[in-house]
């Protein structure tokens, strides 16, 4: 799994890249893998103010529709219009051609409160371990005597 070192990450599997005074945002490689093949992306327009933990769009895949949650407060200054015709970039190039929006943050320091690559990697490991434990628990609950 690809995790660029200089990026920041959220527990909603969103990445952020600081580019001078703006922040580029997209979904992580883990998120696109869990989503499956993306067939449509609906994203708020340029000029929209977004608030941390509120939705700024959604991504539709062959498996599900997932809401996209803003990692920090700011104003959208650019939207990846390539995704209108080629939403599969979210799968094939989540950190490059598959980016979602660029925002002018209200406070760029808010990004530093998010997870680093190493912290996000540990978070994913813990998620994986919890998933395995849950599956084992469900297997143990099956009554094979019936």
Protein backbone atom coordinates (compact mmCIF):
# COMPACT_ATOMS: atom_id res chain seq x y z
CA UNK A 1 0.00 0.00 0.00
CA UNK A 2 1.29 3.42 -0.96
CA UNK A 3 1.50 6.10 1.77
CA UNK A 4 3.41 9.25 0.82
CA UNK A 5 5.59 10.30 3.76
CA UNK A 6 5.01 14.04 3.56
CA UNK A 7 1.20 13.75 3.59
CA UNK A 8 -1.20 13.86 6.54
CA UNK A 9 -4.08 11.43 7.04
CA UNK A 10 -7.44 11.13 8.80
CA UNK A 11 -9.30 8.22 10.35
CA UNK A 12 -11.82 8.66 7.51
CA UNK A 13 -9.01 7.66 5.08
CA UNK A 14 -8.51 11.10 3.58
CA UNK A 15 -5.03 12.39 2.73
CA UNK A 16 -3.83 15.99 2.74
CA UNK A 17 -0.80 17.50 1.05
CA UNK A 18 0.37 20.99 1.98
CA UNK A 19 1.25 23.03 -1.12
CA UNK A 20 2.42 26.45 0.09
CA UNK A 21 -0.77 28.15 1.37
CA UNK A 22 -3.29 25.60 0.04
CA UNK A 23 -4.00 21.95 0.75
CA UNK A 24 -4.69 19.22 -1.81
CA UNK A 25 -7.08 16.50 -0.56
CA UNK A 26 -7.94 13.00 -1.77
CA UNK A 27 -8.81 9.50 -0.61
CA UNK A 28 -6.09 7.10 0.51
CA UNK A 29 -4.99 3.98 -1.27
CA UNK A 30 -6.64 1.99 1.54
CA UNK A 31 -9.95 3.80 0.97
CA UNK A 32 -9.97 3.27 -2.79
CA UNK A 33 -9.16 -0.41 -2.26
CA UNK A 34 -12.06 -0.80 0.19
CA UNK A 35 -14.42 1.09 -2.13
CA UNK A 36 -13.74 -1.05 -5.17
CA UNK A 37 -14.09 0.34 -8.68
CA UNK A 38 -15.17 3.98 -8.47
CA UNK A 39 -17.81 4.87 -11.06
CA UNK A 40 -18.83 8.40 -9.99
CA UNK A 41 -17.59 11.23 -7.78
CA UNK A 42 -19.76 14.15 -6.68
CA UNK A 43 -17.78 16.97 -5.10
CA UNK A 44 -18.75 20.42 -3.79
CA UNK A 45 -18.06 23.38 -6.07
CA UNK A 46 -15.24 25.90 -6.04
CA UNK A 47 -16.05 28.64 -3.53
CA UNK A 48 -17.81 26.30 -1.12
CA UNK A 49 -16.81 26.67 2.53
CA UNK A 50 -16.21 23.31 4.17
CA UNK A 51 -16.16 22.45 7.87
CA UNK A 52 -14.15 19.70 9.53
CA UNK A 53 -16.11 16.44 9.86
CA UNK A 54 -18.87 17.61 7.51
CA UNK A 55 -19.39 16.16 4.03
CA UNK A 56 -18.00 17.83 0.92
CA UNK A 57 -19.10 15.15 -1.53
CA UNK A 58 -19.43 11.44 -2.11
CA UNK A 59 -17.87 8.67 -4.12
CA UNK A 60 -19.92 5.93 -5.73
CA UNK A 61 -18.35 2.57 -6.46
CA UNK A 62 -19.65 -0.76 -7.65
CA UNK A 63 -19.91 -1.73 -3.96
CA UNK A 64 -21.30 1.34 -2.21
CA UNK A 65 -21.71 5.10 -1.97
CA UNK A 66 -19.38 6.71 0.57
CA UNK A 67 -19.55 10.25 1.88
CA UNK A 68 -16.38 12.34 1.90
CA UNK A 69 -15.70 14.17 5.17
CA UNK A 70 -13.69 17.38 5.30
CA UNK A 71 -10.57 16.98 7.42
CA UNK A 72 -10.30 20.70 8.31
CA UNK A 73 -12.14 23.99 7.77
CA UNK A 74 -11.50 25.96 4.60
CA UNK A 75 -12.75 27.15 1.23
CA UNK A 76 -12.58 25.04 -1.93
CA UNK A 77 -10.36 26.78 -4.49
CA UNK A 78 -10.03 23.95 -7.02
CA UNK A 79 -11.86 20.75 -7.93
CA UNK A 80 -10.46 17.87 -9.97
CA UNK A 81 -12.69 18.07 -13.04
CA UNK A 82 -10.92 15.05 -14.57
CA UNK A 83 -12.99 12.90 -12.21
CA UNK A 84 -16.21 13.91 -13.99
CA UNK A 85 -15.26 11.76 -16.98
CA UNK A 86 -12.61 9.54 -15.40
CA UNK A 87 -13.55 8.74 -11.79
CA UNK A 88 -11.38 5.63 -12.03
CA UNK A 89 -8.37 7.89 -11.35
CA UNK A 90 -9.40 7.62 -7.69
CA UNK A 91 -8.52 3.92 -7.95
CA UNK A 92 -5.57 4.01 -10.32
CA UNK A 93 -3.84 7.15 -9.04
CA UNK A 94 -5.27 8.21 -5.65
CA UNK A 95 -2.32 10.47 -4.77
CA UNK A 96 -1.77 12.00 -8.20
CA UNK A 97 -4.49 12.21 -10.87
CA UNK A 98 -7.20 11.06 -8.43
CA UNK A 99 -7.05 14.02 -6.03
CA UNK A 100 -10.45 15.52 -5.14
CA UNK A 101 -10.19 19.16 -4.07
CA UNK A 102 -7.77 21.93 -3.15
CA UNK A 103 -8.71 24.16 -0.23
CA UNK A 104 -7.50 27.40 1.26
CA UNK A 105 -7.55 26.40 4.94
CA UNK A 106 -8.85 28.71 7.65
CA UNK A 107 -5.80 27.68 9.71
CA UNK A 108 -3.06 25.69 7.96
CA UNK A 109 -1.77 24.56 11.36
CA UNK A 110 -4.91 22.38 11.74
CA UNK A 111 -3.23 19.92 9.37
CA UNK A 112 -0.50 19.26 11.94
CA UNK A 113 -3.17 17.85 14.29
CA UNK A 114 -3.85 14.99 11.86
CA UNK A 115 -1.96 11.70 11.53
CA UNK A 116 1.48 11.44 9.98
CA UNK A 117 2.23 8.55 7.62
CA UNK A 118 3.64 6.45 10.48
CA UNK A 119 0.64 7.16 12.71
CA UNK A 120 -1.79 6.34 9.90
CA UNK A 121 0.10 3.13 9.14
CA UNK A 122 -0.26 2.07 12.80
CA UNK A 123 -3.94 3.04 12.66
CA UNK A 124 -4.44 0.76 9.65
CA UNK A 125 -2.63 -2.08 11.43
CA UNK A 126 -4.90 -1.69 14.44
CA UNK A 127 -7.96 -1.70 12.17
CA UNK A 128 -6.75 -4.87 10.51
CA UNK A 129 -6.09 -6.57 13.86
CA UNK A 130 -9.53 -5.55 15.17
CA UNK A 131 -11.16 -6.93 12.00
CA UNK A 132 -9.37 -10.28 12.40
CA UNK A 133 -10.32 -10.46 16.10
CA UNK A 134 -13.95 -9.69 15.26
CA UNK A 135 -14.04 -12.38 12.57
CA UNK A 136 -12.50 -14.95 14.92
CA UNK A 137 -15.06 -14.02 17.58
CA UNK A 138 -17.89 -14.57 15.10
CA UNK A 139 -16.45 -17.95 14.11
CA UNK A 140 -16.24 -18.96 17.77
CA UNK A 141 -19.91 -18.02 18.24
CA UNK A 142 -21.09 -20.46 15.58
CA UNK A 143 -22.79 -23.51 17.10
CA UNK A 144 -21.64 -26.44 15.00
CA UNK A 145 -23.75 -28.95 16.96
CA UNK A 146 -26.98 -27.90 15.28
